[in-house]
Amino acid sequence: MISEQQLMQLVVDAALEEQAIDLTVLDVFEKTIIADYFVICSGRNLVQIHSIADHVEQRLQEQGVSLLRRDGYQQGTWVVLDYGSTILHIFRQEEREHYKLEDLWADARKVPIENP
């Protein structure tokens, strides 16, 4: 069984392997009951956004981690992969600037990212 922190790091590593842009991790454990971590990143275009999402799903599945929910994949402007304690948000840059998730959760602690 992997810990919440290990799960978050698996998501981060897999997203970075696909060249995710401007990756940020927010510790939202004390702010909401829906997750412990939000991993937020951007892709340059629909192809890269799909590539990041597909790669994260594949890498976590290889580790025995099941995806609970995927949303926004068809549109490809904001894809959400829900792994329970960690939720990955993959944005097209325009949507990321519009929704400003980091500002919405500004009081959450930013987690230093360990590069793979």
N, C-alpha and C. Protein backbone atom coordinates (compact mmCIF):
# COMPACT_ATOMS: atom_id res chain seq x y z
N MET A 1 0.85 -1.19 0.00
CA MET A 1 0.00 0.00 0.00
C MET A 1 0.89 1.24 0.00
N ILE A 2 0.59 2.17 -0.88
CA ILE A 2 1.40 3.39 -0.94
C ILE A 2 0.73 4.51 -0.14
N SER A 3 1.55 5.39 0.38
CA SER A 3 1.04 6.50 1.17
C SER A 3 0.49 7.59 0.26
N GLU A 4 -0.23 8.53 0.85
CA GLU A 4 -0.76 9.67 0.10
C GLU A 4 0.36 10.47 -0.55
N GLN A 5 1.45 10.65 0.20
CA GLN A 5 2.59 11.41 -0.33
C GLN A 5 3.26 10.66 -1.48
N GLN A 6 3.39 9.34 -1.37
CA GLN A 6 3.97 8.55 -2.46
C GLN A 6 3.09 8.60 -3.70
N LEU A 7 1.78 8.56 -3.51
CA LEU A 7 0.85 8.65 -4.63
C LEU A 7 1.01 10.00 -5.34
N MET A 8 1.06 11.05 -4.55
CA MET A 8 1.25 12.38 -5.13
C MET A 8 2.54 12.43 -5.94
N GLN A 9 3.63 11.86 -5.39
CA GLN A 9 4.92 11.89 -6.09
C GLN A 9 4.87 11.06 -7.37
N LEU A 10 4.14 9.96 -7.39
CA LEU A 10 3.98 9.17 -8.61
C LEU A 10 3.29 9.99 -9.69
N VAL A 11 2.25 10.72 -9.31
CA VAL A 11 1.53 11.57 -10.26
C VAL A 11 2.46 12.66 -10.79
N VAL A 12 3.20 13.30 -9.90
CA VAL A 12 4.13 14.36 -10.30
C VAL A 12 5.17 13.81 -11.27
N ASP A 13 5.80 12.70 -10.91
CA ASP A 13 6.84 12.12 -11.74
C ASP A 13 6.32 11.77 -13.14
N ALA A 14 5.15 11.15 -13.19
CA ALA A 14 4.58 10.75 -14.49
C ALA A 14 4.25 11.97 -15.34
N ALA A 15 3.69 13.01 -14.73
CA ALA A 15 3.36 14.23 -15.49
C ALA A 15 4.63 14.89 -16.02
N LEU A 16 5.66 14.94 -15.19
CA LEU A 16 6.92 15.56 -15.62
C LEU A 16 7.61 14.75 -16.72
N GLU A 17 7.43 13.43 -16.71
CA GLU A 17 7.98 12.59 -17.78
C GLU A 17 7.42 12.97 -19.14
N GLU A 18 6.22 13.52 -19.16
CA GLU A 18 5.57 13.97 -20.41
C GLU A 18 5.70 15.48 -20.60
N GLN A 19 6.67 16.08 -19.92
CA GLN A 19 7.00 17.50 -20.09
C GLN A 19 5.87 18.44 -19.68
N ALA A 20 5.15 18.09 -18.62
CA ALA A 20 4.12 18.99 -18.09
C ALA A 20 4.75 20.33 -17.76
N ILE A 21 4.04 21.40 -18.02
CA ILE A 21 4.55 22.76 -17.86
C ILE A 21 4.05 23.34 -16.54
N ASP A 22 4.94 24.08 -15.86
CA ASP A 22 4.59 24.87 -14.68
C ASP A 22 3.82 24.03 -13.65
N LEU A 23 4.40 22.89 -13.28
CA LEU A 23 3.73 21.98 -12.35
C LEU A 23 3.81 22.53 -10.93
N THR A 24 2.68 22.53 -10.26
CA THR A 24 2.55 23.00 -8.88
C THR A 24 1.80 21.95 -8.07
N VAL A 25 2.22 21.75 -6.83
CA VAL A 25 1.51 20.84 -5.93
C VAL A 25 1.03 21.64 -4.74
N LEU A 26 -0.26 21.53 -4.46
CA LEU A 26 -0.85 22.20 -3.30
C LEU A 26 -1.30 21.15 -2.28
N ASP A 27 -0.93 21.35 -1.04
CA ASP A 27 -1.37 20.50 0.06
C ASP A 27 -2.69 21.09 0.56
N VAL A 28 -3.80 20.43 0.20
CA VAL A 28 -5.13 20.94 0.55
C VAL A 28 -5.77 20.12 1.67
N PHE A 29 -4.97 19.29 2.33
CA PHE A 29 -5.48 18.39 3.37
C PHE A 29 -6.32 19.11 4.42
N GLU A 30 -5.84 20.24 4.88
CA GLU A 30 -6.56 20.97 5.94
C GLU A 30 -7.60 21.94 5.38
N LYS A 31 -7.74 22.01 4.06
CA LYS A 31 -8.64 22.98 3.43
C LYS A 31 -9.92 22.36 2.87
N THR A 32 -9.88 21.07 2.57
CA THR A 32 -11.03 20.42 1.97
C THR A 32 -11.00 18.93 2.29
N ILE A 33 -12.16 18.30 2.21
CA ILE A 33 -12.22 16.86 2.45
C ILE A 33 -12.09 16.05 1.16
N ILE A 34 -12.05 16.72 0.01
CA ILE A 34 -12.06 15.98 -1.25
C ILE A 34 -10.71 15.38 -1.63
N ALA A 35 -9.61 15.91 -1.10
CA ALA A 35 -8.28 15.40 -1.45
C ALA A 35 -7.25 15.92 -0.46
N ASP A 36 -6.08 15.30 -0.52
CA ASP A 36 -4.94 15.78 0.26
C ASP A 36 -4.07 16.70 -0.59
N TYR A 37 -3.96 16.37 -1.89
CA TYR A 37 -3.10 17.13 -2.79
C TYR A 37 -3.81 17.44 -4.10
N PHE A 38 -3.58 18.65 -4.58
CA PHE A 38 -3.92 19.02 -5.95
C PHE A 38 -2.60 19.17 -6.68
N VAL A 39 -2.46 18.45 -7.78
CA VAL A 39 -1.31 18.62 -8.67
C VAL A 39 -1.86 19.37 -9.87
N ILE A 40 -1.28 20.52 -10.16
CA ILE A 40 -1.77 21.39 -11.23
C ILE A 40 -0.64 21.60 -12.23
N CYS A 41 -0.95 21.40 -13.50
CA CYS A 41 0.05 21.62 -14.54
C CYS A 41 -0.64 22.04 -15.83
N SER A 42 0.17 22.39 -16.81
CA SER A 42 -0.34 22.81 -18.11
C SER A 42 0.30 21.98 -19.21
N GLY A 43 -0.43 21.92 -20.33
CA GLY A 43 0.10 21.34 -21.56
C GLY A 43 0.02 22.38 -22.65
N ARG A 44 0.87 22.26 -23.64
CA ARG A 44 0.92 23.26 -24.72
C ARG A 44 -0.31 23.23 -25.62
N ASN A 45 -0.88 22.03 -25.79
CA ASN A 45 -2.00 21.86 -26.72
C ASN A 45 -2.76 20.59 -26.36
N LEU A 46 -3.81 20.31 -27.11
CA LEU A 46 -4.66 19.14 -26.85
C LEU A 46 -3.85 17.84 -26.88
N VAL A 47 -2.94 17.71 -27.82
CA VAL A 47 -2.15 16.49 -27.94
C VAL A 47 -1.30 16.27 -26.69
N GLN A 48 -0.63 17.31 -26.22
CA GLN A 48 0.20 17.15 -25.04
C GLN A 48 -0.65 16.91 -23.79
N ILE A 49 -1.77 17.59 -23.68
CA ILE A 49 -2.66 17.38 -22.53
C ILE A 49 -3.12 15.92 -22.49
N HIS A 50 -3.53 15.38 -23.62
CA HIS A 50 -3.93 13.97 -23.68
C HIS A 50 -2.74 13.06 -23.37
N SER A 51 -1.57 13.41 -23.87
CA SER A 51 -0.37 12.61 -23.62
C SER A 51 -0.04 12.56 -22.14
N ILE A 52 -0.12 13.69 -21.46
CA ILE A 52 0.13 13.73 -20.01
C ILE A 52 -0.89 12.85 -19.28
N ALA A 53 -2.16 13.04 -19.60
CA ALA A 53 -3.22 12.27 -18.93
C ALA A 53 -3.04 10.77 -19.17
N ASP A 54 -2.81 10.38 -20.41
CA ASP A 54 -2.65 8.96 -20.74
C ASP A 54 -1.44 8.36 -20.04
N HIS A 55 -0.34 9.11 -20.01
CA HIS A 55 0.88 8.60 -19.39
C HIS A 55 0.71 8.45 -17.88
N VAL A 56 0.09 9.42 -17.25
CA VAL A 56 -0.14 9.32 -15.80
C VAL A 56 -1.02 8.11 -15.50
N GLU A 57 -2.09 7.94 -16.26
CA GLU A 57 -2.97 6.79 -16.05
C GLU A 57 -2.20 5.48 -16.20
N GLN A 58 -1.39 5.38 -17.25
CA GLN A 58 -0.64 4.16 -17.51
C GLN A 58 0.37 3.88 -16.41
N ARG A 59 1.15 4.89 -16.02
CA ARG A 59 2.18 4.71 -14.99
C ARG A 59 1.57 4.31 -13.64
N LEU A 60 0.45 4.93 -13.29
CA LEU A 60 -0.16 4.59 -12.01
C LEU A 60 -0.81 3.22 -12.05
N GLN A 61 -1.39 2.88 -13.19
CA GLN A 61 -1.97 1.55 -13.33
C GLN A 61 -0.88 0.48 -13.18
N GLU A 62 0.31 0.75 -13.73
CA GLU A 62 1.44 -0.17 -13.58
C GLU A 62 1.82 -0.36 -12.11
N GLN A 63 1.56 0.65 -11.29
CA GLN A 63 1.86 0.59 -9.86
C GLN A 63 0.68 0.04 -9.05
N GLY A 64 -0.37 -0.36 -9.75
CA GLY A 64 -1.54 -0.91 -9.07
C GLY A 64 -2.49 0.12 -8.51
N VAL A 65 -2.38 1.37 -8.98
CA VAL A 65 -3.23 2.45 -8.50
C VAL A 65 -4.35 2.67 -9.50
N SER A 66 -5.58 2.55 -9.02
CA SER A 66 -6.74 2.70 -9.90
C SER A 66 -7.21 4.14 -9.97
N LEU A 67 -7.57 4.56 -11.15
CA LEU A 67 -8.17 5.87 -11.37
C LEU A 67 -9.62 5.82 -10.91
N LEU A 68 -10.02 6.77 -10.07
CA LEU A 68 -11.40 6.80 -9.59
C LEU A 68 -12.32 7.52 -10.58
N ARG A 69 -11.78 8.59 -11.20
CA ARG A 69 -12.61 9.36 -12.12
C ARG A 69 -11.73 10.20 -13.05
N ARG A 70 -12.16 10.29 -14.28
CA ARG A 70 -11.50 11.16 -15.27
C ARG A 70 -12.58 12.04 -15.87
N ASP A 71 -12.28 13.33 -15.97
CA ASP A 71 -13.26 14.26 -16.52
C ASP A 71 -12.55 15.26 -17.43
N GLY A 72 -13.24 15.71 -18.47
CA GLY A 72 -12.74 16.74 -19.36
C GLY A 72 -11.83 16.25 -20.47
N TYR A 73 -11.63 14.95 -20.58
CA TYR A 73 -10.67 14.41 -21.55
C TYR A 73 -11.07 14.74 -22.99
N GLN A 74 -12.33 14.60 -23.30
CA GLN A 74 -12.78 14.84 -24.68
C GLN A 74 -12.53 16.28 -25.11
N GLN A 75 -12.83 17.24 -24.24
CA GLN A 75 -12.63 18.64 -24.57
C GLN A 75 -11.14 18.98 -24.58
N GLY A 76 -10.39 18.42 -23.65
CA GLY A 76 -8.95 18.58 -23.61
C GLY A 76 -8.44 19.94 -23.18
N THR A 77 -9.29 20.76 -22.59
CA THR A 77 -8.82 22.07 -22.13
C THR A 77 -8.56 22.07 -20.62
N TRP A 78 -9.23 21.18 -19.90
CA TRP A 78 -9.01 20.99 -18.46
C TRP A 78 -9.36 19.55 -18.14
N VAL A 79 -8.34 18.72 -18.01
CA VAL A 79 -8.54 17.31 -17.72
C VAL A 79 -8.27 17.09 -16.23
N VAL A 80 -9.18 16.37 -15.57
CA VAL A 80 -9.04 16.06 -14.16
C VAL A 80 -8.94 14.55 -14.00
N LEU A 81 -7.87 14.11 -13.34
CA LEU A 81 -7.70 12.71 -12.98
C LEU A 81 -7.77 12.61 -11.47
N ASP A 82 -8.75 11.87 -10.97
CA ASP A 82 -9.00 11.77 -9.53
C ASP A 82 -8.48 10.43 -9.03
N TYR A 83 -7.48 10.49 -8.17
CA TYR A 83 -6.92 9.29 -7.53
C TYR A 83 -7.23 9.27 -6.03
N GLY A 84 -8.30 9.93 -5.63
CA GLY A 84 -8.68 9.94 -4.23
C GLY A 84 -7.94 11.02 -3.46
N SER A 85 -6.81 10.65 -2.88
CA SER A 85 -6.07 11.63 -2.08
C SER A 85 -5.30 12.63 -2.94
N THR A 86 -5.11 12.32 -4.22
CA THR A 86 -4.43 13.22 -5.14
C THR A 86 -5.30 13.44 -6.37
N ILE A 87 -5.51 14.70 -6.71
CA ILE A 87 -6.27 15.04 -7.91
C ILE A 87 -5.35 15.82 -8.83
N LEU A 88 -5.21 15.34 -10.06
CA LEU A 88 -4.38 15.99 -11.06
C LEU A 88 -5.26 16.85 -11.96
N HIS A 89 -4.88 18.13 -12.11
CA HIS A 89 -5.54 19.06 -13.01
C HIS A 89 -4.56 19.39 -14.13
N ILE A 90 -4.91 19.06 -15.36
CA ILE A 90 -4.06 19.37 -16.51
C ILE A 90 -4.82 20.40 -17.35
N PHE A 91 -4.25 21.58 -17.46
CA PHE A 91 -4.92 22.69 -18.14
C PHE A 91 -4.25 23.04 -19.46
N ARG A 92 -5.03 23.55 -20.38
CA ARG A 92 -4.48 24.36 -21.46
C ARG A 92 -4.22 25.71 -20.80
N GLN A 93 -3.17 26.40 -21.20
CA GLN A 93 -2.74 27.62 -20.50
C GLN A 93 -3.86 28.66 -20.38
N GLU A 94 -4.67 28.82 -21.43
CA GLU A 94 -5.74 29.82 -21.39
C GLU A 94 -6.74 29.52 -20.27
N GLU A 95 -7.10 28.25 -20.13
CA GLU A 95 -8.05 27.87 -19.07
C GLU A 95 -7.41 28.00 -17.69
N ARG A 96 -6.15 27.68 -17.59
CA ARG A 96 -5.47 27.81 -16.30
C ARG A 96 -5.46 29.27 -15.85
N GLU A 97 -5.19 30.17 -16.77
CA GLU A 97 -5.20 31.60 -16.43
C GLU A 97 -6.61 32.09 -16.11
N HIS A 98 -7.61 31.51 -16.75
CA HIS A 98 -8.99 31.92 -16.51
C HIS A 98 -9.49 31.44 -15.14
N TYR A 99 -9.29 30.17 -14.84
CA TYR A 99 -9.84 29.59 -13.60
C TYR A 99 -8.97 29.86 -12.37
N LYS A 100 -7.70 30.07 -12.54
CA LYS A 100 -6.78 30.47 -11.47
C LYS A 100 -6.94 29.61 -10.21
N LEU A 101 -6.82 28.32 -10.39
CA LEU A 101 -6.96 27.40 -9.27
C LEU A 101 -5.97 27.69 -8.15
N GLU A 102 -4.75 28.07 -8.51
CA GLU A 102 -3.75 28.39 -7.48
C GLU A 102 -4.20 29.58 -6.64
N ASP A 103 -4.87 30.54 -7.26
CA ASP A 103 -5.38 31.69 -6.50
C ASP A 103 -6.55 31.29 -5.61
N LEU A 104 -7.41 30.42 -6.14
CA LEU A 104 -8.56 29.95 -5.37
C LEU A 104 -8.10 29.23 -4.10
N TRP A 105 -7.00 28.49 -4.19
CA TRP A 105 -6.46 27.74 -3.07
C TRP A 105 -5.18 28.38 -2.56
N ALA A 106 -5.11 29.70 -2.60
CA ALA A 106 -3.88 30.43 -2.24
C ALA A 106 -3.44 30.19 -0.81
N ASP A 107 -4.36 29.84 0.08
CA ASP A 107 -3.98 29.60 1.46
C ASP A 107 -3.46 28.19 1.70
N ALA A 108 -3.44 27.35 0.65
CA ALA A 108 -2.88 26.00 0.77
C ALA A 108 -1.36 26.07 0.66
N ARG A 109 -0.71 25.16 1.36
CA ARG A 109 0.76 25.11 1.34
C ARG A 109 1.24 24.54 0.01
N LYS A 110 2.22 25.22 -0.61
CA LYS A 110 2.85 24.69 -1.82
C LYS A 110 3.87 23.64 -1.41
N VAL A 111 3.82 22.50 -2.07
CA VAL A 111 4.72 21.40 -1.76
C VAL A 111 5.92 21.49 -2.70
N PRO A 112 7.14 21.43 -2.16
CA PRO A 112 8.32 21.41 -3.04
C PRO A 112 8.28 20.15 -3.90
N ILE A 113 8.64 20.31 -5.15
CA ILE A 113 8.59 19.19 -6.11
C ILE A 113 9.95 18.54 -6.19
N GLU A 114 9.91 17.20 -6.05
CA GLU A 114 11.12 16.41 -6.25
C GLU A 114 11.13 15.91 -7.68
N ASN A 115 12.14 16.32 -8.45
CA ASN A 115 12.21 15.86 -9.84
C ASN A 115 12.62 14.40 -9.87
N PRO A 116 12.04 13.65 -10.83
CA PRO A 116 12.37 12.21 -10.91
C PRO A 116 13.82 11.99 -11.32
